[in-house]
Amino acid sequence: MAEIANKSSVDFAQIKQITESYDCKKANLIAILQRIQESYRYLPEDALAYVAELIGISPASVYGVATFYSQFSLDPKGKYEIRVCDGTACHVRGSMPVLSAIKKKTGLQEGKITSENGLFTVETVSCLGACGLAPVVVINEKVYPQMTADAILIVLDTLMKEEAE
């Protein structure tokens, strides 16, 4: 195990502690993965393999769960996770100009979801369940209703200013 630890930024003692806090049970795999993702902002491959070893299941089984559920990410996410609703109500009320403004302001490269500086992860979602507030943007679980391209720039400017302080 020491050989893997030298190659990885994963804190195996922490992974073990998380897994043991759920009694190393397969039935608790989703909760274990949620806690790991909270710590790392994604699920590192080495962590998945170690969880499999601790629980006594195949790495493929753990990987299968990690890739099946959209809440999990195998790629690092930014400090600010931005979800832009593109459901029917949000789309009709202008969610795409809001998304374009976010991508431009964060410098998001084409085909990427996380900015180069690691601060922002931007994703579109089919529905956030707030159609009456459309278009809706959620940043780290905080809901921003009735967004416009100009309004989201103010929100992003505030976040960027906080980061610079």
N, C-alpha and C. Protein backbone atom coordinates (compact mmCIF):
# COMPACT_ATOMS: atom_id res chain seq x y z
N MET A 1 0.82 -1.19 0.00
CA MET A 1 0.00 0.00 0.00
C MET A 1 0.86 1.25 0.00
N ALA A 2 2.04 1.23 0.59
CA ALA A 2 2.91 2.40 0.64
C ALA A 2 3.33 2.82 -0.76
N GLU A 3 3.45 1.86 -1.66
CA GLU A 3 3.83 2.17 -3.04
C GLU A 3 2.77 3.03 -3.71
N ILE A 4 1.51 2.72 -3.51
CA ILE A 4 0.42 3.52 -4.08
C ILE A 4 0.40 4.90 -3.43
N ALA A 5 0.60 4.96 -2.13
CA ALA A 5 0.53 6.22 -1.41
C ALA A 5 1.58 7.21 -1.92
N ASN A 6 2.73 6.74 -2.34
CA ASN A 6 3.77 7.62 -2.84
C ASN A 6 3.40 8.24 -4.17
N LYS A 7 2.55 7.61 -4.94
CA LYS A 7 2.16 8.07 -6.26
C LYS A 7 0.90 8.93 -6.24
N SER A 8 0.24 9.03 -5.11
CA SER A 8 -1.08 9.63 -5.07
C SER A 8 -1.14 10.73 -4.01
N SER A 9 -2.07 11.66 -4.22
CA SER A 9 -2.31 12.69 -3.22
C SER A 9 -3.45 12.27 -2.28
N VAL A 10 -3.86 11.02 -2.38
CA VAL A 10 -4.94 10.51 -1.55
C VAL A 10 -4.40 10.20 -0.15
N ASP A 11 -5.14 10.66 0.85
CA ASP A 11 -4.81 10.36 2.24
C ASP A 11 -5.51 9.05 2.59
N PHE A 12 -4.75 7.95 2.50
CA PHE A 12 -5.34 6.63 2.69
C PHE A 12 -5.86 6.43 4.11
N ALA A 13 -5.24 7.09 5.08
CA ALA A 13 -5.74 6.98 6.46
C ALA A 13 -7.13 7.61 6.55
N GLN A 14 -7.32 8.71 5.86
CA GLN A 14 -8.63 9.36 5.85
C GLN A 14 -9.67 8.49 5.15
N ILE A 15 -9.29 7.89 4.02
CA ILE A 15 -10.21 7.01 3.30
C ILE A 15 -10.60 5.83 4.18
N LYS A 16 -9.62 5.29 4.88
CA LYS A 16 -9.90 4.16 5.78
C LYS A 16 -10.84 4.60 6.90
N GLN A 17 -10.60 5.77 7.46
CA GLN A 17 -11.45 6.27 8.54
C GLN A 17 -12.89 6.48 8.06
N ILE A 18 -13.04 7.06 6.88
CA ILE A 18 -14.38 7.26 6.32
C ILE A 18 -15.08 5.92 6.12
N THR A 19 -14.37 4.99 5.50
CA THR A 19 -14.96 3.68 5.20
C THR A 19 -15.32 2.95 6.49
N GLU A 20 -14.44 3.00 7.48
CA GLU A 20 -14.71 2.33 8.76
C GLU A 20 -15.87 2.99 9.50
N SER A 21 -16.06 4.30 9.30
CA SER A 21 -17.18 4.98 9.97
C SER A 21 -18.52 4.45 9.45
N TYR A 22 -18.48 3.79 8.29
CA TYR A 22 -19.67 3.14 7.72
C TYR A 22 -19.55 1.62 7.80
N ASP A 23 -18.77 1.16 8.75
CA ASP A 23 -18.62 -0.26 9.07
C ASP A 23 -18.10 -1.11 7.90
N CYS A 24 -17.42 -0.48 6.94
CA CYS A 24 -16.85 -1.20 5.78
C CYS A 24 -17.90 -2.08 5.09
N LYS A 25 -19.13 -1.61 5.05
CA LYS A 25 -20.21 -2.40 4.47
C LYS A 25 -20.50 -1.96 3.05
N LYS A 26 -20.71 -2.93 2.19
CA LYS A 26 -21.06 -2.67 0.79
C LYS A 26 -22.34 -1.85 0.70
N ALA A 27 -23.27 -2.09 1.60
CA ALA A 27 -24.54 -1.38 1.61
C ALA A 27 -24.37 0.13 1.83
N ASN A 28 -23.23 0.52 2.37
CA ASN A 28 -22.96 1.92 2.66
C ASN A 28 -22.05 2.58 1.61
N LEU A 29 -21.84 1.90 0.49
CA LEU A 29 -20.89 2.39 -0.51
C LEU A 29 -21.22 3.80 -1.00
N ILE A 30 -22.47 4.09 -1.30
CA ILE A 30 -22.82 5.42 -1.80
C ILE A 30 -22.49 6.49 -0.76
N ALA A 31 -22.82 6.25 0.48
CA ALA A 31 -22.51 7.22 1.54
C ALA A 31 -21.00 7.41 1.69
N ILE A 32 -20.24 6.33 1.57
CA ILE A 32 -18.78 6.40 1.65
C ILE A 32 -18.25 7.28 0.51
N LEU A 33 -18.73 7.02 -0.69
CA LEU A 33 -18.27 7.79 -1.85
C LEU A 33 -18.68 9.26 -1.73
N GLN A 34 -19.84 9.53 -1.18
CA GLN A 34 -20.26 10.92 -0.98
C GLN A 34 -19.31 11.64 -0.04
N ARG A 35 -18.94 10.99 1.03
CA ARG A 35 -18.01 11.61 2.01
C ARG A 35 -16.63 11.84 1.39
N ILE A 36 -16.16 10.88 0.61
CA ILE A 36 -14.86 11.04 -0.05
C ILE A 36 -14.92 12.21 -1.02
N GLN A 37 -16.00 12.30 -1.79
CA GLN A 37 -16.12 13.39 -2.75
C GLN A 37 -16.21 14.74 -2.04
N GLU A 38 -16.83 14.79 -0.89
CA GLU A 38 -16.87 16.04 -0.11
C GLU A 38 -15.46 16.49 0.24
N SER A 39 -14.59 15.55 0.54
CA SER A 39 -13.22 15.88 0.93
C SER A 39 -12.34 16.30 -0.23
N TYR A 40 -12.50 15.64 -1.37
CA TYR A 40 -11.58 15.84 -2.50
C TYR A 40 -12.19 16.63 -3.66
N ARG A 41 -13.50 16.87 -3.64
CA ARG A 41 -14.25 17.49 -4.73
C ARG A 41 -14.35 16.59 -5.96
N TYR A 42 -13.94 15.36 -5.82
CA TYR A 42 -14.09 14.33 -6.86
C TYR A 42 -13.71 13.00 -6.21
N LEU A 43 -13.78 11.91 -7.00
CA LEU A 43 -13.42 10.59 -6.49
C LEU A 43 -12.11 10.15 -7.15
N PRO A 44 -11.00 10.27 -6.42
CA PRO A 44 -9.72 9.83 -6.99
C PRO A 44 -9.71 8.33 -7.24
N GLU A 45 -9.10 7.93 -8.33
CA GLU A 45 -9.05 6.51 -8.71
C GLU A 45 -8.43 5.65 -7.61
N ASP A 46 -7.35 6.14 -7.00
CA ASP A 46 -6.71 5.37 -5.92
C ASP A 46 -7.64 5.18 -4.73
N ALA A 47 -8.47 6.17 -4.46
CA ALA A 47 -9.42 6.06 -3.35
C ALA A 47 -10.46 5.00 -3.63
N LEU A 48 -10.93 4.95 -4.90
CA LEU A 48 -11.92 3.93 -5.27
C LEU A 48 -11.36 2.52 -5.08
N ALA A 49 -10.11 2.34 -5.51
CA ALA A 49 -9.48 1.03 -5.39
C ALA A 49 -9.31 0.64 -3.92
N TYR A 50 -8.95 1.61 -3.10
CA TYR A 50 -8.74 1.33 -1.68
C TYR A 50 -10.06 1.02 -0.98
N VAL A 51 -11.11 1.73 -1.32
CA VAL A 51 -12.44 1.45 -0.75
C VAL A 51 -12.86 0.03 -1.12
N ALA A 52 -12.63 -0.35 -2.36
CA ALA A 52 -12.97 -1.72 -2.80
C ALA A 52 -12.24 -2.75 -1.94
N GLU A 53 -10.96 -2.50 -1.70
CA GLU A 53 -10.16 -3.41 -0.88
C GLU A 53 -10.71 -3.47 0.55
N LEU A 54 -11.05 -2.33 1.12
CA LEU A 54 -11.54 -2.28 2.50
C LEU A 54 -12.91 -2.95 2.66
N ILE A 55 -13.76 -2.79 1.65
CA ILE A 55 -15.11 -3.36 1.71
C ILE A 55 -15.11 -4.83 1.29
N GLY A 56 -14.13 -5.20 0.50
CA GLY A 56 -14.06 -6.59 0.05
C GLY A 56 -14.86 -6.85 -1.21
N ILE A 57 -14.93 -5.85 -2.11
CA ILE A 57 -15.59 -6.02 -3.40
C ILE A 57 -14.60 -5.63 -4.50
N SER A 58 -14.96 -5.91 -5.72
CA SER A 58 -14.05 -5.62 -6.82
C SER A 58 -13.98 -4.12 -7.08
N PRO A 59 -12.81 -3.64 -7.52
CA PRO A 59 -12.70 -2.23 -7.92
C PRO A 59 -13.71 -1.87 -9.02
N ALA A 60 -14.02 -2.81 -9.90
CA ALA A 60 -14.99 -2.56 -10.96
C ALA A 60 -16.38 -2.27 -10.39
N SER A 61 -16.74 -2.93 -9.30
CA SER A 61 -18.04 -2.68 -8.66
C SER A 61 -18.10 -1.26 -8.09
N VAL A 62 -17.03 -0.82 -7.45
CA VAL A 62 -16.99 0.53 -6.89
C VAL A 62 -17.01 1.55 -8.03
N TYR A 63 -16.22 1.31 -9.05
CA TYR A 63 -16.17 2.19 -10.22
C TYR A 63 -17.55 2.26 -10.89
N GLY A 64 -18.23 1.15 -10.95
CA GLY A 64 -19.56 1.10 -11.55
C GLY A 64 -20.54 2.00 -10.83
N VAL A 65 -20.51 1.99 -9.51
CA VAL A 65 -21.38 2.87 -8.72
C VAL A 65 -20.97 4.33 -8.93
N ALA A 66 -19.66 4.59 -8.92
CA ALA A 66 -19.15 5.96 -9.07
C ALA A 66 -19.50 6.56 -10.42
N THR A 67 -19.60 5.73 -11.44
CA THR A 67 -19.91 6.25 -12.78
C THR A 67 -21.40 6.21 -13.10
N PHE A 68 -22.16 5.43 -12.35
CA PHE A 68 -23.60 5.32 -12.61
C PHE A 68 -24.34 6.57 -12.14
N TYR A 69 -24.01 7.06 -10.96
CA TYR A 69 -24.73 8.18 -10.36
C TYR A 69 -24.10 9.51 -10.78
N SER A 70 -24.94 10.41 -11.29
CA SER A 70 -24.44 11.69 -11.80
C SER A 70 -23.90 12.61 -10.70
N GLN A 71 -24.20 12.31 -9.45
CA GLN A 71 -23.69 13.13 -8.36
C GLN A 71 -22.18 12.96 -8.17
N PHE A 72 -21.64 11.87 -8.70
CA PHE A 72 -20.22 11.60 -8.53
C PHE A 72 -19.42 12.07 -9.73
N SER A 73 -18.19 12.48 -9.46
CA SER A 73 -17.30 12.93 -10.52
C SER A 73 -15.93 12.27 -10.35
N LEU A 74 -15.39 11.80 -11.46
CA LEU A 74 -14.04 11.23 -11.44
C LEU A 74 -12.99 12.29 -11.78
N ASP A 75 -13.45 13.48 -12.10
CA ASP A 75 -12.56 14.60 -12.41
C ASP A 75 -12.70 15.66 -11.32
N PRO A 76 -11.59 16.30 -10.96
CA PRO A 76 -11.67 17.34 -9.92
C PRO A 76 -12.65 18.45 -10.30
N LYS A 77 -13.41 18.89 -9.33
CA LYS A 77 -14.36 19.98 -9.53
C LYS A 77 -13.81 21.23 -8.87
N GLY A 78 -14.30 22.37 -9.34
CA GLY A 78 -13.87 23.65 -8.80
C GLY A 78 -14.43 23.91 -7.42
N LYS A 79 -13.88 24.93 -6.80
CA LYS A 79 -14.36 25.35 -5.48
C LYS A 79 -15.82 25.77 -5.55
N TYR A 80 -16.19 26.39 -6.68
CA TYR A 80 -17.57 26.81 -6.89
C TYR A 80 -18.18 25.95 -7.99
N GLU A 81 -19.17 25.16 -7.62
CA GLU A 81 -19.88 24.32 -8.59
C GLU A 81 -21.12 25.08 -9.04
N ILE A 82 -21.12 25.44 -10.31
CA ILE A 82 -22.21 26.22 -10.87
C ILE A 82 -23.06 25.32 -11.76
N ARG A 83 -24.33 25.23 -11.43
CA ARG A 83 -25.27 24.46 -12.25
C ARG A 83 -26.29 25.42 -12.86
N VAL A 84 -26.36 25.39 -14.17
CA VAL A 84 -27.30 26.24 -14.90
C VAL A 84 -28.43 25.36 -15.42
N CYS A 85 -29.64 25.69 -15.05
CA CYS A 85 -30.79 24.92 -15.51
C CYS A 85 -31.07 25.23 -16.97
N ASP A 86 -31.27 24.17 -17.76
CA ASP A 86 -31.66 24.36 -19.15
C ASP A 86 -32.94 23.57 -19.45
N GLY A 87 -33.77 23.44 -18.42
CA GLY A 87 -35.09 22.85 -18.64
C GLY A 87 -35.92 23.80 -19.48
N THR A 88 -37.08 23.39 -19.87
CA THR A 88 -37.91 24.17 -20.79
C THR A 88 -38.15 25.60 -20.30
N ALA A 89 -38.62 25.77 -19.06
CA ALA A 89 -38.92 27.11 -18.55
C ALA A 89 -37.67 27.98 -18.51
N CYS A 90 -36.57 27.43 -18.04
CA CYS A 90 -35.32 28.20 -17.95
C CYS A 90 -34.78 28.53 -19.34
N HIS A 91 -34.84 27.56 -20.23
CA HIS A 91 -34.34 27.78 -21.58
C HIS A 91 -35.14 28.90 -22.28
N VAL A 92 -36.45 28.83 -22.19
CA VAL A 92 -37.31 29.83 -22.83
C VAL A 92 -37.07 31.22 -22.24
N ARG A 93 -36.75 31.26 -20.96
CA ARG A 93 -36.54 32.56 -20.30
C ARG A 93 -35.08 33.02 -20.31
N GLY A 94 -34.22 32.34 -21.08
CA GLY A 94 -32.88 32.87 -21.32
C GLY A 94 -31.72 32.26 -20.57
N SER A 95 -31.77 30.96 -20.27
CA SER A 95 -30.65 30.35 -19.55
C SER A 95 -29.37 30.26 -20.38
N MET A 96 -29.49 30.16 -21.70
CA MET A 96 -28.29 30.00 -22.53
C MET A 96 -27.42 31.27 -22.57
N PRO A 97 -27.99 32.47 -22.64
CA PRO A 97 -27.14 33.66 -22.51
C PRO A 97 -26.46 33.75 -21.14
N VAL A 98 -27.15 33.28 -20.11
CA VAL A 98 -26.56 33.25 -18.76
C VAL A 98 -25.38 32.29 -18.76
N LEU A 99 -25.55 31.11 -19.33
CA LEU A 99 -24.47 30.13 -19.42
C LEU A 99 -23.29 30.70 -20.20
N SER A 100 -23.55 31.35 -21.31
CA SER A 100 -22.47 31.95 -22.11
C SER A 100 -21.71 33.00 -21.32
N ALA A 101 -22.42 33.80 -20.56
CA ALA A 101 -21.77 34.83 -19.74
C ALA A 101 -20.88 34.19 -18.67
N ILE A 102 -21.36 33.11 -18.08
CA ILE A 102 -20.58 32.39 -17.06
C ILE A 102 -19.30 31.84 -17.68
N LYS A 103 -19.43 31.18 -18.81
CA LYS A 103 -18.27 30.58 -19.46
C LYS A 103 -17.24 31.64 -19.83
N LYS A 104 -17.70 32.75 -20.34
CA LYS A 104 -16.79 33.82 -20.74
C LYS A 104 -16.09 34.41 -19.51
N LYS A 105 -16.85 34.71 -18.47
CA LYS A 105 -16.30 35.34 -17.26
C LYS A 105 -15.29 34.43 -16.55
N THR A 106 -15.56 33.13 -16.54
CA THR A 106 -14.68 32.18 -15.83
C THR A 106 -13.53 31.70 -16.71
N GLY A 107 -13.55 32.08 -17.98
CA GLY A 107 -12.48 31.66 -18.90
C GLY A 107 -12.55 30.17 -19.21
N LEU A 108 -13.73 29.62 -19.15
CA LEU A 108 -13.90 28.18 -19.37
C LEU A 108 -13.56 27.82 -20.82
N GLN A 109 -12.65 26.89 -20.98
CA GLN A 109 -12.22 26.44 -22.30
C GLN A 109 -13.28 25.54 -22.92
N GLU A 110 -13.37 25.58 -24.24
CA GLU A 110 -14.33 24.74 -24.97
C GLU A 110 -14.09 23.27 -24.64
N GLY A 111 -15.15 22.56 -24.32
CA GLY A 111 -15.06 21.14 -24.02
C GLY A 111 -14.66 20.83 -22.58
N LYS A 112 -14.41 21.84 -21.78
CA LYS A 112 -14.03 21.66 -20.37
C LYS A 112 -15.17 22.11 -19.48
N ILE A 113 -15.26 21.53 -18.30
CA ILE A 113 -16.29 21.98 -17.35
C ILE A 113 -15.68 22.71 -16.16
N THR A 114 -14.36 22.60 -15.98
CA THR A 114 -13.69 23.26 -14.86
C THR A 114 -12.68 24.27 -15.40
N SER A 115 -12.69 25.45 -14.80
CA SER A 115 -11.79 26.52 -15.24
C SER A 115 -10.34 26.14 -14.94
N GLU A 116 -9.42 26.74 -15.68
CA GLU A 116 -7.98 26.45 -15.52
C GLU A 116 -7.49 26.72 -14.10
N ASN A 117 -8.04 27.74 -13.45
CA ASN A 117 -7.60 28.08 -12.10
C ASN A 117 -8.22 27.18 -11.03
N GLY A 118 -9.10 26.26 -11.44
CA GLY A 118 -9.71 25.32 -10.51
C GLY A 118 -10.78 25.91 -9.62
N LEU A 119 -11.18 27.15 -9.87
CA LEU A 119 -12.19 27.77 -9.02
C LEU A 119 -13.62 27.40 -9.40
N PHE A 120 -13.88 27.25 -10.70
CA PHE A 120 -15.25 27.10 -11.16
C PHE A 120 -15.45 25.82 -11.97
N THR A 121 -16.51 25.09 -11.64
CA THR A 121 -17.00 24.00 -12.47
C THR A 121 -18.39 24.40 -12.91
N VAL A 122 -18.63 24.37 -14.22
CA VAL A 122 -19.89 24.82 -14.78
C VAL A 122 -20.55 23.67 -15.52
N GLU A 123 -21.79 23.37 -15.15
CA GLU A 123 -22.53 22.30 -15.79
C GLU A 123 -23.97 22.75 -16.05
N THR A 124 -24.54 22.23 -17.12
CA THR A 124 -25.97 22.44 -17.34
C THR A 124 -26.71 21.22 -16.81
N VAL A 125 -27.90 21.46 -16.30
CA VAL A 125 -28.73 20.37 -15.80
C VAL A 125 -30.11 20.49 -16.44
N SER A 126 -30.81 19.39 -16.51
CA SER A 126 -32.11 19.37 -17.17
C SER A 126 -33.20 20.06 -16.37
N CYS A 127 -33.09 20.03 -15.05
CA CYS A 127 -34.12 20.66 -14.23
C CYS A 127 -33.61 20.82 -12.81
N LEU A 128 -33.89 21.97 -12.23
CA LEU A 128 -33.56 22.20 -10.82
C LEU A 128 -34.81 22.26 -9.96
N GLY A 129 -35.98 22.07 -10.60
CA GLY A 129 -37.23 22.05 -9.86
C GLY A 129 -37.68 23.41 -9.37
N ALA A 130 -37.27 24.47 -10.06
CA ALA A 130 -37.66 25.81 -9.65
C ALA A 130 -38.15 26.60 -10.86
N CYS A 131 -39.03 26.00 -11.62
CA CYS A 131 -39.49 26.59 -12.89
C CYS A 131 -40.09 27.98 -12.73
N GLY A 132 -40.76 28.24 -11.64
CA GLY A 132 -41.35 29.55 -11.40
C GLY A 132 -40.32 30.64 -11.19
N LEU A 133 -39.07 30.25 -10.93
CA LEU A 133 -37.99 31.21 -10.70
C LEU A 133 -37.04 31.32 -11.89
N ALA A 134 -37.43 30.75 -13.01
CA ALA A 134 -36.57 30.63 -14.18
C ALA A 134 -36.13 31.98 -14.73
N PRO A 135 -34.92 32.00 -15.30
CA PRO A 135 -33.90 30.97 -15.30
C PRO A 135 -33.14 30.92 -13.96
N VAL A 136 -32.79 29.73 -13.57
CA VAL A 136 -32.19 29.48 -12.27
C VAL A 136 -30.75 29.01 -12.42
N VAL A 137 -29.90 29.53 -11.53
CA VAL A 137 -28.51 29.08 -11.43
C VAL A 137 -28.30 28.70 -9.97
N VAL A 138 -27.61 27.59 -9.73
CA VAL A 138 -27.27 27.17 -8.38
C VAL A 138 -25.75 27.14 -8.27
N ILE A 139 -25.23 27.84 -7.26
CA ILE A 139 -23.79 27.84 -7.00
C ILE A 139 -23.59 27.28 -5.60
N ASN A 140 -22.93 26.14 -5.53
CA ASN A 140 -22.69 25.47 -4.24
C ASN A 140 -23.96 25.41 -3.39
N GLU A 141 -25.04 24.98 -3.99
CA GLU A 141 -26.33 24.76 -3.33
C GLU A 141 -27.09 26.04 -3.01
N LYS A 142 -26.54 27.22 -3.33
CA LYS A 142 -27.30 28.47 -3.18
C LYS A 142 -28.01 28.78 -4.49
N VAL A 143 -29.32 29.02 -4.39
CA VAL A 143 -30.15 29.25 -5.57
C VAL A 143 -30.16 30.74 -5.92
N TYR A 144 -29.91 31.00 -7.20
CA TYR A 144 -29.98 32.36 -7.74
C TYR A 144 -31.13 32.37 -8.76
N PRO A 145 -32.26 32.96 -8.40
CA PRO A 145 -33.43 32.95 -9.28
C PRO A 145 -33.41 34.08 -10.30
N GLN A 146 -34.18 33.91 -11.36
CA GLN A 146 -34.41 34.93 -12.38
C GLN A 146 -33.12 35.60 -12.84
N MET A 147 -32.15 34.75 -13.18
CA MET A 147 -30.84 35.25 -13.59
C MET A 147 -30.87 35.83 -14.99
N THR A 148 -30.05 36.83 -15.19
CA THR A 148 -29.78 37.39 -16.51
C THR A 148 -28.27 37.34 -16.68
N ALA A 149 -27.80 37.57 -17.89
CA ALA A 149 -26.36 37.58 -18.14
C ALA A 149 -25.68 38.65 -17.29
N ASP A 150 -26.30 39.81 -17.17
CA ASP A 150 -25.72 40.89 -16.35
C ASP A 150 -25.72 40.54 -14.87
N ALA A 151 -26.81 39.95 -14.39
CA ALA A 151 -26.92 39.63 -12.97
C ALA A 151 -25.91 38.57 -12.57
N ILE A 152 -25.69 37.56 -13.40
CA ILE A 152 -24.74 36.50 -13.04
C ILE A 152 -23.32 37.05 -13.02
N LEU A 153 -23.03 38.05 -13.83
CA LEU A 153 -21.70 38.66 -13.81
C LEU A 153 -21.43 39.35 -12.47
N ILE A 154 -22.46 39.96 -11.90
CA ILE A 154 -22.32 40.58 -10.57
C ILE A 154 -22.03 39.52 -9.52
N VAL A 155 -22.74 38.40 -9.59
CA VAL A 155 -22.52 37.30 -8.64
C VAL A 155 -21.08 36.77 -8.78
N LEU A 156 -20.64 36.55 -10.02
CA LEU A 156 -19.29 36.02 -10.25
C LEU A 156 -18.23 37.03 -9.84
N ASP A 157 -18.46 38.31 -10.11
CA ASP A 157 -17.50 39.35 -9.68
C ASP A 157 -17.34 39.31 -8.15
N THR A 158 -18.44 39.14 -7.44
CA THR A 158 -18.40 39.07 -5.98
C THR A 158 -17.57 37.87 -5.52
N LEU A 159 -17.80 36.70 -6.13
CA LEU A 159 -17.05 35.50 -5.76
C LEU A 159 -15.56 35.69 -6.06
N MET A 160 -15.25 36.24 -7.22
CA MET A 160 -13.86 36.45 -7.59
C MET A 160 -13.17 37.46 -6.68
N LYS A 161 -13.90 38.47 -6.27
CA LYS A 161 -13.35 39.47 -5.34
C LYS A 161 -13.04 38.81 -4.00
N GLU A 162 -13.94 37.96 -3.52
CA GLU A 162 -13.72 37.25 -2.26
C GLU A 162 -12.47 36.36 -2.33
N GLU A 163 -12.25 35.76 -3.49
CA GLU A 163 -11.08 34.90 -3.68
C GLU A 163 -9.78 35.70 -3.67
N ALA A 164 -9.84 36.92 -4.17
CA ALA A 164 -8.66 37.77 -4.25
C ALA A 164 -8.25 38.35 -2.90
N GLU A 165 -9.19 38.38 -1.97
CA GLU A 165 -8.89 38.96 -0.63
C GLU A 165 -8.10 38.04 0.25
